[in-house]
Amino acid sequence: MPTATLARRLGAAINAERHELAPALTGFALFFCLFSGYFMLRPVRESMGIMAGVEHLQWLFTATFVSTLAVVPLFAWLGSRVPRRHFADWVYGVFCVNLLAFAGAFHFAGESVWIARAFYVWISVYNLFVVSVTWSLMADVFDGRQARRLFAFIAAGASVGGLVGPAASALLVGATGEAGLVLLAGLLLGLALALKAPLMRWRETGGAGRPGAPPAESTRRPIAGNPFSGMTRVLRSPYLLAVGAFVVLLATVTTFLYFEQARFVAGYFPDRASQIRVFGLIDVAVQAGALGSQLFVTGRIAQKLGVRVLLAIVPIVVCMGFIGLALAPSFAMLAALMIVRRIGEHAFVRPGREMLFAPLDAESKYKAKGFIDTVVYRAGDAGSAWVKSALDLIGQGTVLVALVGAACALAWGGLGWLIGRRADRMGGRADTDARDHAGPQVLKTLAARRGS
């Protein structure tokens, strides 16, 4: 088959125009590397959390929140000092060094409970920061119209990585141990860093910075604002406050399910190797389901029904799942609900969340978004962890947790519909502005060609 025909068919399959195919594939590959590494480490993190004591998980969540509070101003300060086009380079570089340090710690003192606790907290911070910065990068490279068409396919790279990562973890943990998995994750993060450069170059010719696109800030300058401007930007914007509330409800639902999963797995699978394998198999099931949805469903829903449907459909399904868990509390029902929720989050909620930021300015895309993705998310994690502990003390078991989770999921879905509808309206205005701005550019180009 000729290359041009293959490219045309592939572009049609992923909703990419011809000039967008290469950057879309690059974004896919970047997320593949990033999530392959993370999902190799995720089963290790879960086993470390159990090793540190399921009854102490709320303290690990609180430590993660406090660590996030400490780190956010440092990264915001960095964003105010380095050109925006190099911000991700610094973030990835810092975490590569951290991975090397933990590889050494696991090699020399792998059975230490304090190293287990430190790794659990660190990987939770690492995941939020790296993923948030990468999605900020994508929202910077692609404009709003491109984001609605391409983000689902780009997110599919994360799902493929989520399939490869846990499978590799389950296969390699016996031979390499935790230290080897951490080193391999560091190598994949380095590959993701190499893939970032061509995306930023394309941005200036075919992406959000191309001639004819709505005006955007130069990537050669640092991000505007001070280390705390992400927080102040959120507090001053009803739209961003609503996004933050949506993230808190997402974190609450996730935490309730996560604690129940940890409790069940600790009871059914007592040794660390089997726990890593179980968590890895769950991750494989999640990523396989998410990948199919991202490739064939998500982009079409976003284009035809809007972001509001992407953000509302999963919470409603989760609400019904919680009701089912209250009626039939069992590990099988919990595992099914956990898998469905995570598939929905990866395939619908996460791409939809990132589409909310595509029409916004650089400070909102990086600093306000970073504040929501890290501090707000971890605050929701920590707060809901203590609420979950309080519900456990009441003594009604899974039933009470499921009923409270159902109420939170219902509120989550309603808020998702409202902010998604606002984003759809902004996206429509952005498309109109782009057409109005592109018209004079086209006339100038035609005039220049006639003159030559």
Protein backbone atom coordinates (compact mmCIF):
# COMPACT_ATOMS: atom_id res chain seq x y z
CA MET A 1 0.00 0.00 0.00
CA PRO A 2 1.46 3.44 -0.94
CA THR A 3 2.65 5.54 1.97
CA ALA A 4 0.32 8.42 1.08
CA THR A 5 -2.72 6.12 1.08
CA LEU A 6 -1.71 4.56 4.40
CA ALA A 7 -1.20 8.02 5.94
CA ARG A 8 -4.60 9.18 4.66
CA ARG A 9 -6.37 6.14 6.10
CA LEU A 10 -4.58 6.42 9.42
CA GLY A 11 -5.40 10.12 9.62
CA ALA A 12 -9.06 9.39 8.94
CA ALA A 13 -9.08 6.68 11.61
CA ILE A 14 -7.75 9.00 14.32
CA ASN A 15 -9.51 12.20 13.15
CA ALA A 16 -6.22 13.86 12.20
CA GLU A 17 -5.66 16.12 9.22
CA ARG A 18 -2.66 15.23 7.09
CA HIS A 19 -0.27 17.78 8.63
CA GLU A 20 -1.35 16.69 12.15
CA LEU A 21 -0.55 13.00 11.74
CA ALA A 22 3.13 13.15 12.74
CA PRO A 23 2.59 15.25 15.91
CA ALA A 24 -0.39 13.10 16.90
CA LEU A 25 1.75 9.97 16.61
CA THR A 26 4.56 11.70 18.52
CA GLY A 27 2.16 12.63 21.33
CA PHE A 28 0.92 9.03 21.36
CA ALA A 29 4.51 7.74 21.65
CA LEU A 30 5.34 10.24 24.41
CA PHE A 31 2.41 9.09 26.52
CA PHE A 32 3.28 5.48 25.80
CA CYS A 33 6.77 5.93 27.24
CA LEU A 34 5.54 7.94 30.21
CA PHE A 35 2.78 5.54 31.21
CA SER A 36 4.75 2.36 30.49
CA GLY A 37 7.23 3.51 33.10
CA TYR A 38 4.62 4.65 35.59
CA PHE A 39 2.48 1.52 35.31
CA MET A 40 5.54 -0.66 35.83
CA LEU A 41 5.93 1.14 39.15
CA ARG A 42 2.26 1.33 40.12
CA PRO A 43 1.99 -2.33 41.25
CA VAL A 44 5.19 -1.79 43.24
CA ARG A 45 3.61 1.28 44.87
CA GLU A 46 0.46 -0.64 45.80
CA SER A 47 2.46 -3.44 47.41
CA MET A 48 4.55 -0.83 49.29
CA GLY A 49 1.33 0.70 50.63
CA ILE A 50 0.22 -2.68 51.95
CA MET A 51 3.70 -3.33 53.36
CA ALA A 52 3.47 -0.04 55.28
CA GLY A 53 0.10 -1.15 56.70
CA VAL A 54 -3.40 -0.82 55.23
CA GLU A 55 -4.51 0.75 58.51
CA HIS A 56 -1.96 3.55 57.89
CA LEU A 57 -3.00 4.43 54.32
CA GLN A 58 -4.75 7.62 55.40
CA TRP A 59 -1.43 8.82 56.85
CA LEU A 60 0.33 8.09 53.54
CA PHE A 61 -2.37 10.07 51.72
CA THR A 62 -1.87 12.95 54.15
CA ALA A 63 1.91 12.81 53.69
CA THR A 64 1.38 12.87 49.91
CA PHE A 65 -0.78 15.98 50.23
CA VAL A 66 1.78 17.74 52.43
CA SER A 67 4.59 16.81 50.03
CA THR A 68 2.55 18.14 47.12
CA LEU A 69 2.01 21.42 48.97
CA ALA A 70 5.76 21.72 49.42
CA VAL A 71 6.66 20.90 45.83
CA VAL A 72 4.05 22.95 43.94
CA PRO A 73 5.59 26.38 44.68
CA LEU A 74 9.01 25.09 43.61
CA PHE A 75 7.75 23.97 40.21
CA ALA A 76 5.73 27.17 39.83
CA TRP A 77 8.87 29.17 40.62
CA LEU A 78 10.74 27.16 38.00
CA GLY A 79 8.01 27.89 35.46
CA SER A 80 8.45 31.61 36.13
CA ARG A 81 12.21 31.41 35.46
CA VAL A 82 12.71 29.14 32.43
CA PRO A 83 11.24 29.53 28.92
CA ARG A 84 7.95 27.69 28.62
CA ARG A 85 9.28 25.51 25.83
CA HIS A 86 11.90 24.05 28.24
CA PHE A 87 9.74 23.72 31.37
CA ALA A 88 8.92 20.05 30.76
CA ASP A 89 12.64 19.34 30.22
CA TRP A 90 13.41 20.46 33.77
CA VAL A 91 10.47 18.57 35.30
CA TYR A 92 11.34 15.32 33.54
CA GLY A 93 15.01 15.73 34.40
CA VAL A 94 14.35 16.20 38.12
CA PHE A 95 12.21 13.07 38.27
CA CYS A 96 14.76 11.03 36.30
CA VAL A 97 17.31 11.82 39.03
CA ASN A 98 14.78 10.81 41.69
CA LEU A 99 14.23 7.46 39.95
CA LEU A 100 17.95 6.74 39.98
CA ALA A 101 18.07 7.50 43.71
CA PHE A 102 15.20 5.12 44.51
CA ALA A 103 16.76 2.39 42.36
CA GLY A 104 19.83 2.61 44.58
CA ALA A 105 17.72 2.61 47.75
CA PHE A 106 15.82 -0.52 46.69
CA HIS A 107 19.05 -2.27 45.75
CA PHE A 108 20.72 -1.67 49.12
CA ALA A 109 17.76 -1.58 51.54
CA GLY A 110 14.70 -2.84 49.70
CA GLU A 111 12.89 -4.30 52.73
CA SER A 112 12.87 -1.08 54.77
CA VAL A 113 9.33 0.00 55.69
CA TRP A 114 10.44 3.65 55.66
CA ILE A 115 11.76 3.35 52.11
CA ALA A 116 8.43 1.72 51.20
CA ARG A 117 6.54 4.65 52.70
CA ALA A 118 8.82 7.21 51.05
CA PHE A 119 8.44 5.55 47.65
CA TYR A 120 4.66 5.36 48.02
CA VAL A 121 4.45 9.09 48.73
CA TRP A 122 7.01 10.04 46.08
CA ILE A 123 5.45 7.99 43.24
CA SER A 124 2.07 9.55 44.04
CA VAL A 125 3.61 13.03 43.71
CA TYR A 126 5.59 11.98 40.63
CA ASN A 127 2.51 10.69 38.84
CA LEU A 128 0.48 13.85 39.32
CA PHE A 129 3.25 16.28 38.39
CA VAL A 130 4.56 14.48 35.32
CA VAL A 131 1.12 13.71 33.90
CA SER A 132 -0.13 17.23 34.63
CA VAL A 133 2.88 18.85 32.97
CA THR A 134 2.58 16.55 29.95
CA TRP A 135 -1.08 17.37 29.44
CA SER A 136 -0.25 21.08 29.88
CA LEU A 137 2.30 20.58 27.11
CA MET A 138 -0.36 18.99 24.86
CA ALA A 139 -2.84 21.79 25.57
CA ASP A 140 -0.06 24.22 24.61
CA VAL A 141 0.92 22.42 21.39
CA PHE A 142 -2.62 21.84 20.02
CA ASP A 143 -5.38 24.44 19.82
CA GLY A 144 -8.92 23.80 21.07
CA ARG A 145 -10.27 22.43 17.79
CA GLN A 146 -7.30 20.09 17.38
CA ALA A 147 -7.61 18.97 21.01
CA ARG A 148 -11.21 17.82 20.57
CA ARG A 149 -10.18 15.67 17.60
CA LEU A 150 -6.77 14.38 18.71
CA PHE A 151 -6.65 14.13 22.51
CA ALA A 152 -8.50 10.81 22.59
CA PHE A 153 -5.93 9.20 20.28
CA ILE A 154 -3.02 10.78 22.15
CA ALA A 155 -4.48 9.49 25.43
CA ALA A 156 -4.60 6.04 23.85
CA GLY A 157 -0.80 6.07 24.03
CA ALA A 158 -1.20 6.15 27.81
CA SER A 159 -3.50 3.12 27.64
CA VAL A 160 -1.08 1.14 25.49
CA GLY A 161 1.65 2.06 27.97
CA GLY A 162 -0.72 1.03 30.73
CA LEU A 163 -1.00 -2.38 29.10
CA VAL A 164 2.73 -2.86 28.55
CA GLY A 165 3.82 -1.45 31.92
CA PRO A 166 1.98 -3.76 34.35
CA ALA A 167 2.59 -6.77 32.10
CA ALA A 168 6.31 -5.98 32.14
CA SER A 169 6.16 -5.47 35.90
CA ALA A 170 4.52 -8.87 36.46
CA LEU A 171 7.02 -10.61 34.14
CA LEU A 172 10.21 -8.85 35.26
CA VAL A 173 9.77 -8.30 38.99
CA GLY A 174 11.11 -11.76 39.82
CA ALA A 175 14.27 -11.27 37.73
CA THR A 176 15.06 -7.58 38.23
CA GLY A 177 13.39 -6.76 41.54
CA GLU A 178 12.02 -3.33 42.33
CA ALA A 179 15.37 -1.65 41.58
CA GLY A 180 15.44 -2.92 37.99
CA LEU A 181 11.86 -1.78 37.36
CA VAL A 182 12.68 1.70 38.65
CA LEU A 183 15.74 1.97 36.37
CA LEU A 184 13.70 0.90 33.34
CA ALA A 185 11.05 3.50 34.21
CA GLY A 186 13.78 6.15 34.30
CA LEU A 187 14.94 5.15 30.81
CA LEU A 188 11.39 5.44 29.46
CA LEU A 189 11.02 8.88 31.03
CA GLY A 190 14.21 9.92 29.22
CA LEU A 191 12.70 8.75 25.91
CA ALA A 192 9.58 10.80 26.62
CA LEU A 193 11.80 13.83 27.12
CA ALA A 194 13.39 13.29 23.70
CA LEU A 195 9.95 13.13 22.05
CA LYS A 196 8.87 16.46 23.50
CA ALA A 197 11.22 18.58 21.34
CA PRO A 198 9.65 17.86 17.91
CA LEU A 199 6.20 18.61 19.31
CA MET A 200 7.25 22.10 20.39
CA ARG A 201 8.84 22.73 16.99
CA TRP A 202 5.66 21.69 15.18
CA ARG A 203 3.58 23.95 17.45
CA GLU A 204 5.05 27.00 15.72
CA THR A 205 4.18 25.81 12.19
CA GLY A 206 1.03 23.69 12.49
CA GLY A 207 -0.22 23.84 16.07
CA ALA A 208 -1.45 26.51 18.47
CA GLY A 209 1.37 28.89 17.49
CA ARG A 210 0.98 28.56 13.70
CA PRO A 211 0.38 31.55 11.42
CA GLY A 212 -3.36 32.21 11.20
CA ALA A 213 -4.17 30.73 14.62
CA PRO A 214 -5.61 32.94 17.37
CA PRO A 215 -2.80 34.91 19.07
CA ALA A 216 -0.92 32.98 21.76
CA GLU A 217 1.92 33.78 24.14
CA SER A 218 5.44 33.04 22.95
CA THR A 219 6.93 29.78 24.25
CA ARG A 220 10.33 31.47 24.43
CA ARG A 221 9.28 33.40 27.54
CA PRO A 222 8.65 32.01 31.05
CA ILE A 223 5.08 31.47 32.22
CA ALA A 224 3.57 34.65 33.64
CA GLY A 225 2.87 35.00 37.36
CA ASN A 226 4.56 34.14 40.65
CA PRO A 227 4.91 30.77 42.44
CA PHE A 228 1.41 31.16 43.92
CA SER A 229 -0.40 32.60 40.90
CA GLY A 230 -1.87 29.20 40.00
CA MET A 231 -3.80 29.21 43.27
CA THR A 232 -4.90 32.84 42.95
CA ARG A 233 -5.95 32.28 39.33
CA VAL A 234 -8.18 29.39 40.44
CA LEU A 235 -9.68 31.33 43.37
CA ARG A 236 -10.60 34.25 41.09
CA SER A 237 -12.26 32.17 38.36
CA PRO A 238 -15.68 30.51 38.90
CA TYR A 239 -14.91 28.25 35.93
CA LEU A 240 -11.60 27.02 37.39
CA LEU A 241 -13.17 26.69 40.86
CA ALA A 242 -15.80 24.41 39.34
CA VAL A 243 -13.06 22.36 37.65
CA GLY A 244 -11.35 22.09 41.05
CA ALA A 245 -14.58 20.88 42.70
CA PHE A 246 -14.99 18.31 39.91
CA VAL A 247 -11.47 17.02 40.65
CA VAL A 248 -12.19 16.81 44.40
CA LEU A 249 -15.26 14.66 43.76
CA LEU A 250 -13.25 12.50 41.36
CA ALA A 251 -10.58 12.03 44.03
CA THR A 252 -13.20 11.18 46.66
CA VAL A 253 -14.80 8.44 44.57
CA THR A 254 -11.37 7.10 43.61
CA THR A 255 -10.14 7.02 47.22
CA PHE A 256 -13.19 5.18 48.53
CA LEU A 257 -12.71 2.44 45.94
CA TYR A 258 -8.93 2.37 46.40
CA PHE A 259 -9.16 1.78 50.17
CA GLU A 260 -11.69 -1.02 49.71
CA GLN A 261 -9.47 -2.61 47.06
CA ALA A 262 -6.41 -2.46 49.34
CA ARG A 263 -8.38 -4.05 52.20
CA PHE A 264 -9.63 -6.93 50.06
CA VAL A 265 -6.27 -7.60 48.38
CA ALA A 266 -4.42 -7.58 51.71
CA GLY A 267 -6.82 -10.24 52.96
CA TYR A 268 -6.80 -12.48 49.87
CA PHE A 269 -3.14 -12.17 48.76
CA PRO A 270 -0.69 -12.04 51.70
CA ASP A 271 2.74 -11.98 49.92
CA ARG A 272 4.20 -9.04 47.95
CA ALA A 273 4.89 -10.87 44.69
CA SER A 274 1.28 -12.05 44.37
CA GLN A 275 0.00 -8.58 45.26
CA ILE A 276 2.14 -7.02 42.50
CA ARG A 277 0.80 -9.59 40.02
CA VAL A 278 -2.84 -8.99 41.03
CA PHE A 279 -2.50 -5.23 40.77
CA GLY A 280 -0.71 -5.68 37.44
CA LEU A 281 -3.51 -7.87 36.05
CA ILE A 282 -6.14 -5.32 37.11
CA ASP A 283 -4.12 -2.62 35.35
CA VAL A 284 -3.96 -4.73 32.17
CA ALA A 285 -7.76 -5.16 32.17
CA VAL A 286 -8.26 -1.43 32.71
CA GLN A 287 -5.89 -0.31 29.99
CA ALA A 288 -7.26 -2.80 27.43
CA GLY A 289 -10.77 -1.47 27.95
CA ALA A 290 -9.61 2.16 27.93
CA LEU A 291 -7.64 1.68 24.71
CA GLY A 292 -10.62 0.38 22.76
CA SER A 293 -12.77 3.26 23.97
CA GLN A 294 -10.13 5.90 23.20
CA LEU A 295 -9.54 4.64 19.66
CA PHE A 296 -13.15 4.15 18.61
CA VAL A 297 -15.48 6.06 20.95
CA THR A 298 -14.04 9.05 22.83
CA GLY A 299 -13.16 11.36 19.93
CA ARG A 300 -16.51 10.81 18.25
CA ILE A 301 -18.42 11.55 21.46
CA ALA A 302 -16.39 14.75 21.96
CA GLN A 303 -17.10 15.94 18.41
CA LYS A 304 -20.78 14.97 18.21
CA LEU A 305 -22.03 15.26 21.80
CA GLY A 306 -19.48 17.57 23.40
CA VAL A 307 -17.19 17.59 26.41
CA ARG A 308 -20.20 17.65 28.77
CA VAL A 309 -21.05 14.04 27.86
CA LEU A 310 -17.44 12.91 28.35
CA LEU A 311 -17.44 14.37 31.87
CA ALA A 312 -20.90 13.22 32.96
CA ILE A 313 -21.33 9.69 31.61
CA VAL A 314 -18.70 7.97 33.78
CA PRO A 315 -19.88 9.41 37.14
CA ILE A 316 -23.43 8.25 36.42
CA VAL A 317 -22.22 4.71 35.65
CA VAL A 318 -20.07 4.76 38.82
CA CYS A 319 -23.07 5.91 40.85
CA MET A 320 -25.04 2.88 39.66
CA GLY A 321 -22.02 0.68 40.39
CA PHE A 322 -21.84 1.92 43.98
CA ILE A 323 -25.51 1.10 44.43
CA GLY A 324 -24.79 -2.40 43.11
CA LEU A 325 -21.88 -2.72 45.56
CA ALA A 326 -24.17 -1.71 48.45
CA LEU A 327 -26.64 -4.42 47.43
CA ALA A 328 -24.00 -7.12 46.83
CA PRO A 329 -20.77 -6.25 48.68
CA SER A 330 -18.08 -8.62 47.40
CA PHE A 331 -14.55 -8.51 45.98
CA ALA A 332 -15.85 -9.45 42.51
CA MET A 333 -18.32 -6.53 42.49
CA LEU A 334 -15.68 -4.14 43.85
CA ALA A 335 -13.10 -5.24 41.27
CA ALA A 336 -15.63 -4.83 38.45
CA LEU A 337 -16.58 -1.33 39.65
CA MET A 338 -12.92 -0.39 40.07
CA ILE A 339 -12.11 -1.53 36.54
CA VAL A 340 -15.12 0.23 35.00
CA ARG A 341 -14.34 3.48 36.84
CA ARG A 342 -10.71 3.47 35.78
CA ILE A 343 -11.55 2.63 32.16
CA GLY A 344 -14.01 5.51 32.15
CA GLU A 345 -11.52 7.88 33.74
CA HIS A 346 -8.76 7.09 31.24
CA ALA A 347 -11.02 6.96 28.17
CA PHE A 348 -13.52 9.77 28.86
CA VAL A 349 -12.89 11.83 31.99
CA ARG A 350 -9.18 12.51 31.55
CA PRO A 351 -9.32 13.59 27.89
CA GLY A 352 -12.41 15.64 28.73
CA ARG A 353 -10.64 17.33 31.64
CA GLU A 354 -7.73 18.30 29.41
CA MET A 355 -10.05 19.71 26.76
CA LEU A 356 -11.30 22.17 29.42
CA PHE A 357 -7.91 23.92 29.37
CA ALA A 358 -7.15 24.01 25.63
CA PRO A 359 -8.89 27.38 24.99
CA LEU A 360 -7.26 29.07 28.03
CA ASP A 361 -4.08 31.17 28.36
CA ALA A 362 -0.65 29.76 29.22
CA GLU A 363 -0.79 30.68 32.91
CA SER A 364 -4.07 28.78 33.28
CA LYS A 365 -2.76 25.81 31.25
CA TYR A 366 0.38 25.40 33.34
CA LYS A 367 0.04 27.05 36.76
CA ALA A 368 -3.71 26.95 37.47
CA LYS A 369 -4.00 23.50 35.91
CA GLY A 370 -0.93 22.31 37.84
CA PHE A 371 -2.43 23.59 41.10
CA ILE A 372 -5.72 21.77 40.41
CA ASP A 373 -4.05 18.55 39.25
CA THR A 374 -1.73 18.36 42.25
CA VAL A 375 -2.73 20.35 45.34
CA VAL A 376 -6.50 20.21 44.81
CA TYR A 377 -6.44 16.56 43.77
CA ARG A 378 -4.27 15.50 46.71
CA ALA A 379 -6.35 17.60 49.10
CA GLY A 380 -9.37 15.64 47.88
CA ASP A 381 -7.39 12.44 48.35
CA ALA A 382 -6.32 13.27 51.90
CA GLY A 383 -9.70 14.60 53.02
CA SER A 384 -11.64 11.67 51.58
CA ALA A 385 -9.15 9.22 53.13
CA TRP A 386 -10.03 10.50 56.58
CA VAL A 387 -13.74 10.50 55.73
CA LYS A 388 -13.37 6.87 54.65
CA SER A 389 -11.62 6.05 57.95
CA ALA A 390 -14.46 7.72 59.86
CA LEU A 391 -17.05 5.71 57.92
CA ASP A 392 -15.15 2.52 58.77
CA LEU A 393 -15.33 3.41 62.47
CA ILE A 394 -19.11 3.61 62.27
CA GLY A 395 -18.99 -0.09 61.52
CA GLN A 396 -21.40 -0.59 58.62
CA GLY A 397 -18.71 -1.99 56.34
CA THR A 398 -18.80 -1.67 52.56
CA VAL A 399 -22.52 -0.81 52.42
CA LEU A 400 -22.22 2.63 54.04
CA VAL A 401 -19.10 3.47 52.02
CA ALA A 402 -20.91 2.50 48.81
CA LEU A 403 -23.95 4.66 49.58
CA VAL A 404 -21.84 7.72 50.36
CA GLY A 405 -19.78 7.00 47.23
CA ALA A 406 -22.97 6.88 45.13
CA ALA A 407 -24.02 10.33 46.40
CA CYS A 408 -20.56 11.76 45.60
CA ALA A 409 -20.62 10.20 42.12
CA LEU A 410 -24.03 11.73 41.40
CA ALA A 411 -22.77 15.21 42.38
CA TRP A 412 -19.62 14.58 40.31
CA GLY A 413 -21.70 13.81 37.22
CA GLY A 414 -23.92 16.89 37.60
CA LEU A 415 -20.91 19.19 37.94
CA GLY A 416 -19.20 17.52 34.98
CA TRP A 417 -22.20 18.26 32.80
CA LEU A 418 -22.22 21.95 33.81
CA ILE A 419 -18.53 22.67 33.24
CA GLY A 420 -18.46 20.54 30.10
CA ARG A 421 -21.31 22.61 28.66
CA ARG A 422 -19.35 25.80 29.44
CA ALA A 423 -16.27 24.35 27.71
CA ASP A 424 -18.33 23.42 24.64
CA ARG A 425 -19.50 27.02 24.39
CA MET A 426 -15.95 28.35 24.71
CA GLY A 427 -14.77 25.88 22.08
CA GLY A 428 -17.42 27.11 19.67
CA ARG A 429 -16.34 30.72 20.16
CA ALA A 430 -12.68 29.77 19.70
CA ASP A 431 -13.47 28.09 16.38
CA THR A 432 -15.25 31.23 15.20
CA ASP A 433 -12.34 33.42 16.29
CA ALA A 434 -9.87 31.15 14.49
CA ARG A 435 -11.83 31.41 11.25
CA ASP A 436 -12.09 35.19 11.59
CA HIS A 437 -8.36 35.48 12.31
CA ALA A 438 -7.33 33.08 9.54
CA GLY A 439 -9.26 34.99 6.86
CA PRO A 440 -6.93 38.03 6.67
CA GLN A 441 -3.90 35.73 6.83
CA VAL A 442 -5.13 33.80 3.79
CA LEU A 443 -5.73 37.05 1.87
CA LYS A 444 -2.23 38.27 2.70
CA THR A 445 -0.71 34.98 1.52
CA LEU A 446 -2.64 35.13 -1.77
CA ALA A 447 -1.62 38.74 -2.32
CA ALA A 448 2.02 37.91 -1.68
CA ARG A 449 1.85 35.05 -4.19
CA ARG A 450 0.32 37.31 -6.85
CA GLY A 451 3.03 39.90 -6.24
CA SER A 452 5.76 37.32 -6.68
